[in-house]
N, C-alpha and C. Protein backbone atom coordinates (compact mmCIF):
# COMPACT_ATOMS: atom_id res chain seq x y z
N MET A 1 13.59 21.29 -26.14
CA MET A 1 13.25 19.77 -26.08
C MET A 1 13.11 20.04 -24.32
N VAL A 2 13.76 19.96 -23.44
CA VAL A 2 13.51 20.66 -22.72
C VAL A 2 12.98 21.33 -21.95
N ASN A 3 12.62 22.27 -22.05
CA ASN A 3 10.94 23.08 -21.95
C ASN A 3 9.87 22.57 -22.42
N LEU A 4 9.45 21.69 -23.80
CA LEU A 4 8.47 21.22 -23.77
C LEU A 4 8.43 19.57 -23.17
N LEU A 5 9.93 18.73 -22.04
CA LEU A 5 9.31 18.33 -21.05
C LEU A 5 8.53 18.75 -20.20
N LEU A 6 9.52 19.73 -19.77
CA LEU A 6 9.12 20.73 -18.13
C LEU A 6 7.02 21.06 -18.07
N ALA A 7 7.00 21.17 -19.49
CA ALA A 7 5.64 21.97 -19.48
C ALA A 7 4.47 20.51 -19.36
N TRP A 8 5.25 19.05 -20.59
CA TRP A 8 4.66 18.05 -20.06
C TRP A 8 4.38 18.05 -18.90
N THR A 9 5.46 17.14 -18.11
CA THR A 9 5.57 16.73 -16.82
C THR A 9 4.84 18.28 -15.87
N LEU A 10 4.92 19.12 -15.45
CA LEU A 10 3.63 19.88 -14.61
C LEU A 10 2.26 19.45 -15.16
N THR A 11 1.56 19.30 -16.52
CA THR A 11 0.27 18.42 -16.63
C THR A 11 0.73 17.15 -15.56
N ILE A 12 0.97 16.75 -15.68
CA ILE A 12 1.46 14.93 -15.38
C ILE A 12 1.07 15.67 -13.48
N VAL A 13 2.01 16.71 -13.05
CA VAL A 13 2.03 17.02 -11.54
C VAL A 13 0.86 17.38 -11.61
N PHE A 14 0.28 18.22 -11.95
CA PHE A 14 -1.17 18.79 -11.96
C PHE A 14 -2.95 18.55 -12.29
N LEU A 15 -2.88 16.98 -13.14
CA LEU A 15 -3.47 16.36 -13.44
C LEU A 15 -4.51 16.16 -11.90
N PRO A 16 -3.73 15.66 -10.62
CA PRO A 16 -4.57 15.24 -9.40
C PRO A 16 -5.35 15.79 -9.84
N PHE A 17 -4.88 17.17 -9.66
CA PHE A 17 -6.51 18.62 -8.73
C PHE A 17 -7.37 18.59 -9.45
N PRO A 18 -7.58 18.44 -10.87
CA PRO A 18 -9.16 18.51 -11.70
C PRO A 18 -9.47 16.53 -11.57
N THR A 19 -8.83 16.24 -11.08
CA THR A 19 -9.41 15.29 -10.87
C THR A 19 -10.33 15.04 -9.52
N THR A 20 -9.30 15.41 -9.26
CA THR A 20 -10.39 15.21 -7.17
C THR A 20 -11.62 16.39 -7.78
N LEU A 21 -11.58 17.73 -7.98
CA LEU A 21 -12.59 18.08 -8.85
C LEU A 21 -14.00 17.44 -9.14
N VAL A 22 -13.19 16.59 -9.79
CA VAL A 22 -14.51 15.76 -10.94
C VAL A 22 -15.23 14.47 -10.29
N ALA A 23 -13.71 13.94 -8.48
CA ALA A 23 -15.07 13.57 -7.26
C ALA A 23 -15.65 13.76 -7.01
N ALA A 24 -14.85 15.67 -6.64
CA ALA A 24 -16.03 15.59 -5.37
C ALA A 24 -17.19 16.51 -5.98
N THR A 25 -16.88 17.49 -6.88
CA THR A 25 -18.19 18.16 -6.99
C THR A 25 -19.07 17.33 -7.92
N ASP A 26 -20.34 18.40 -8.45
CA ASP A 26 -21.10 17.99 -9.01
C ASP A 26 -20.54 17.47 -11.07
N ASN A 27 -19.55 18.24 -11.07
CA ASN A 27 -19.16 17.94 -12.95
C ASN A 27 -19.82 18.85 -13.46
N GLY A 28 -19.51 19.80 -12.86
CA GLY A 28 -20.31 21.02 -13.01
C GLY A 28 -19.31 21.31 -14.71
N GLY A 29 -20.20 22.63 -15.63
CA GLY A 29 -19.41 22.36 -16.45
C GLY A 29 -18.02 22.73 -16.31
N LEU A 30 -17.41 24.47 -15.63
CA LEU A 30 -16.05 24.69 -15.43
C LEU A 30 -14.50 23.52 -15.03
N VAL A 31 -15.61 22.30 -14.51
CA VAL A 31 -14.74 21.83 -13.40
C VAL A 31 -14.29 20.36 -15.24
N LYS A 32 -15.13 20.15 -15.44
CA LYS A 32 -15.33 19.26 -16.71
C LYS A 32 -14.08 20.06 -18.18
N VAL A 33 -14.02 20.81 -18.22
CA VAL A 33 -13.17 21.81 -19.35
C VAL A 33 -11.83 22.28 -18.13
N LEU A 34 -11.66 22.63 -17.54
CA LEU A 34 -10.78 21.79 -16.68
C LEU A 34 -9.69 20.55 -16.64
N TYR A 35 -10.77 19.47 -16.67
CA TYR A 35 -10.17 18.00 -16.99
C TYR A 35 -9.69 17.94 -18.10
N ILE A 36 -10.58 18.42 -19.08
CA ILE A 36 -10.48 17.76 -20.43
C ILE A 36 -9.40 18.67 -20.93
N GLY A 37 -9.52 20.22 -20.36
CA GLY A 37 -8.22 20.50 -21.61
C GLY A 37 -6.03 20.43 -20.76
N THR A 38 -6.35 19.61 -19.34
CA THR A 38 -5.31 19.44 -18.92
C THR A 38 -4.73 18.27 -19.41
N MET A 39 -5.59 17.61 -19.74
CA MET A 39 -5.93 16.45 -21.10
C MET A 39 -5.85 16.15 -22.19
N ALA A 40 -6.11 17.40 -22.28
CA ALA A 40 -5.55 17.89 -24.17
C ALA A 40 -4.45 17.96 -25.06
N MET A 41 -3.99 18.95 -23.45
CA MET A 41 -3.09 19.92 -23.34
C MET A 41 -1.54 18.83 -22.91
N SER A 42 -1.39 17.89 -22.15
CA SER A 42 -0.99 16.68 -21.41
C SER A 42 -0.17 15.45 -23.26
N SER A 43 -1.59 15.71 -24.13
CA SER A 43 -1.48 15.02 -24.66
C SER A 43 -0.77 15.85 -25.92
N ALA A 44 -1.10 16.64 -26.33
CA ALA A 44 -0.63 18.05 -27.32
C ALA A 44 0.88 18.25 -27.28
N LEU A 45 0.65 18.50 -26.12
CA LEU A 45 2.41 18.05 -25.74
C LEU A 45 3.12 16.83 -25.82
N LEU A 46 2.83 15.93 -25.71
CA LEU A 46 3.20 14.65 -25.80
C LEU A 46 4.07 14.47 -27.32
N THR A 47 2.84 14.84 -28.24
CA THR A 47 2.51 14.41 -29.63
C THR A 47 3.81 15.32 -29.94
N TRP A 48 3.98 16.69 -29.64
CA TRP A 48 5.24 17.72 -29.35
C TRP A 48 6.50 16.73 -29.66
N LEU A 49 6.62 16.12 -28.88
CA LEU A 49 7.35 15.61 -28.00
C LEU A 49 8.23 14.47 -28.95
N CYS A 50 7.27 13.73 -29.87
CA CYS A 50 6.66 12.79 -29.92
C CYS A 50 7.87 13.28 -31.59
N ARG A 51 7.49 14.37 -31.99
CA ARG A 51 8.24 14.54 -33.29
C ARG A 51 9.18 15.17 -33.80
N GLY A 52 9.95 16.03 -32.28
CA GLY A 52 10.54 17.08 -32.54
C GLY A 52 11.73 16.09 -32.05
C-alpha cells in the first residue's frame, strides 16, 4: 500500500513537467502521450488504492 501511495504521489509531483511542455510546445504527439500517460497512470494508481 505504501509503494502504491508513493507511486501515485510521484505522478502528482511529475505532472507539472508534461503540463509545461504542452503549454510551451506545438503539442507534438510525444508531448500528448507523456501528458495523457501521466494522467492515466495517476488515475490507475488511485483506482488501485481505492480497491486495495
